[in-house]
Amino acid sequence: QVQLVESGGGLVHAGGSLGLSCAASGSSFSYYNMAWYRQAPGKQRELVATITSTGSAHYADFVQDRFPISLIREHTVYLQMNSLKPEDTAVYYCKLQAWGRSVAYWGKGTLVNVSS
């Protein structure tokens, strides 16, 4: 059974930085995508950034180079969040999906709270 565990959320002042980590256990996929999504109160979940197992990264427009994503080891993704804004406040979720498979695995989420 694949399980994803996120860590690193918390409270930070605007302009500050946080790093989010997500580790997937039970995964033996060789080719996969890992991604970060976020969901703010009263809003739909939205994609923040995604990276393939071959290292190709893609970002939502609102990221604007503030949130570099990286694979720090197999099945473990890291999101470095810089220049945080109050509107970045949300629960951040990690997702893993193997290439060619419809099933996606999600973590339970970690809260990021940016105060003004």
Protein backbone atom coordinates (compact mmCIF):
# COMPACT_ATOMS: atom_id res chain seq x y z
CA GLN A 1 0.00 0.00 0.00
CA VAL A 2 1.41 3.36 -1.03
CA GLN A 3 1.34 6.01 1.69
CA LEU A 4 2.43 9.64 1.47
CA VAL A 5 3.44 11.65 4.51
CA GLU A 6 3.93 15.41 4.34
CA SER A 7 5.91 17.47 6.81
CA GLY A 8 7.19 21.00 7.25
CA GLY A 9 4.09 23.15 7.41
CA GLY A 10 3.56 25.82 10.03
CA LEU A 11 3.14 29.51 10.74
CA VAL A 12 5.38 32.06 9.06
CA HIS A 13 5.33 35.81 8.54
CA ALA A 14 4.83 37.28 5.08
CA GLY A 15 8.10 37.35 3.19
CA GLY A 16 9.42 34.34 5.05
CA SER A 17 10.26 30.83 3.88
CA LEU A 18 9.15 27.28 4.60
CA GLY A 19 10.12 23.91 3.21
CA LEU A 20 7.66 21.08 2.69
CA SER A 21 8.73 17.47 2.36
CA CYS A 22 6.71 14.48 1.18
CA ALA A 23 7.90 10.90 1.39
CA ALA A 24 6.10 8.01 -0.29
CA SER A 25 6.44 4.56 1.24
CA GLY A 26 5.39 1.31 -0.38
CA SER A 27 6.00 2.65 -3.87
CA SER A 28 8.03 0.66 -6.37
CA PHE A 29 7.20 2.76 -9.41
CA SER A 30 10.16 3.58 -11.61
CA TYR A 31 8.43 6.33 -13.56
CA TYR A 32 6.06 8.65 -11.77
CA ASN A 33 5.03 12.22 -11.11
CA MET A 34 4.97 13.82 -7.71
CA ALA A 35 3.16 17.07 -7.13
CA TRP A 36 2.09 19.62 -4.58
CA TYR A 37 -1.44 20.95 -4.54
CA ARG A 38 -3.04 23.37 -2.13
CA GLN A 39 -6.50 24.17 -0.93
CA ALA A 40 -7.35 27.43 0.76
CA PRO A 41 -10.51 27.80 2.87
CA GLY A 42 -13.56 28.03 0.65
CA LYS A 43 -11.58 27.40 -2.52
CA GLN A 44 -10.95 24.47 -4.82
CA ARG A 45 -7.76 22.47 -4.65
CA GLU A 46 -5.20 23.78 -7.14
CA LEU A 47 -1.90 22.57 -8.53
CA VAL A 48 1.21 24.30 -7.21
CA ALA A 49 4.07 22.39 -8.82
CA THR A 50 4.86 18.97 -10.22
CA ILE A 51 8.01 17.03 -10.98
CA THR A 52 8.60 13.82 -12.90
CA SER A 53 10.86 11.00 -11.79
CA THR A 54 13.20 12.12 -14.58
CA GLY A 55 13.47 15.59 -13.03
CA SER A 56 11.25 17.70 -15.23
CA ALA A 57 9.38 20.34 -13.21
CA HIS A 58 6.36 22.46 -13.98
CA TYR A 59 4.76 25.26 -12.00
CA ALA A 60 1.49 27.10 -11.66
CA ASP A 61 1.62 30.69 -12.89
CA PHE A 62 1.15 32.13 -9.41
CA VAL A 63 4.36 30.44 -8.18
CA GLN A 64 6.53 32.86 -10.20
CA ASP A 65 9.82 31.12 -9.32
CA ARG A 66 9.11 31.41 -5.59
CA PHE A 67 8.55 27.67 -4.94
CA PRO A 68 11.21 25.44 -6.51
CA ILE A 69 10.31 21.74 -6.42
CA SER A 70 12.87 18.95 -6.29
CA LEU A 71 13.22 15.20 -5.84
CA ILE A 72 15.64 14.85 -2.95
CA ARG A 73 15.66 11.08 -3.27
CA GLU A 74 13.51 8.42 -4.88
CA HIS A 75 9.83 8.95 -4.07
CA THR A 76 10.57 11.98 -1.87
CA VAL A 77 9.70 15.46 -3.05
CA TYR A 78 10.62 18.80 -1.52
CA LEU A 79 8.98 22.18 -2.05
CA GLN A 80 10.97 25.22 -0.98
CA MET A 81 8.57 28.12 -0.47
CA ASN A 82 10.13 31.58 -0.52
CA SER A 83 8.71 35.09 -0.35
CA LEU A 84 5.50 33.75 1.15
CA LYS A 85 2.36 35.84 0.94
CA PRO A 86 -0.80 35.72 3.07
CA GLU A 87 -2.64 34.38 0.01
CA ASP A 88 -0.37 31.32 0.10
CA THR A 89 -2.16 30.23 3.27
CA ALA A 90 -3.67 26.80 2.59
CA VAL A 91 -3.44 23.12 3.30
CA TYR A 92 -0.76 21.70 1.04
CA TYR A 93 -1.19 18.18 -0.28
CA CYS A 94 1.31 15.84 -1.88
CA LYS A 95 0.34 13.55 -4.75
CA LEU A 96 2.04 10.59 -6.41
CA GLN A 97 0.92 9.07 -9.70
CA ALA A 98 2.73 6.46 -11.74
CA TRP A 99 3.02 7.02 -15.47
CA GLY A 100 0.26 5.29 -17.39
CA ARG A 101 -1.86 4.61 -14.33
CA SER A 102 -5.10 6.32 -13.39
CA VAL A 103 -4.76 5.78 -9.64
CA ALA A 104 -3.25 8.65 -7.69
CA TYR A 105 -2.12 8.62 -4.09
CA TRP A 106 -2.53 11.59 -1.78
CA GLY A 107 -1.12 12.63 1.54
CA LYS A 108 -3.29 13.97 4.33
CA GLY A 109 -1.99 17.51 3.94
CA THR A 110 0.01 19.98 5.97
CA LEU A 111 -1.14 23.47 6.91
CA VAL A 112 0.82 26.54 5.86
CA ASN A 113 -0.32 29.74 7.54
CA VAL A 114 1.22 33.02 6.38
CA SER A 115 0.50 36.01 8.58
CA SER A 116 0.56 39.58 7.28
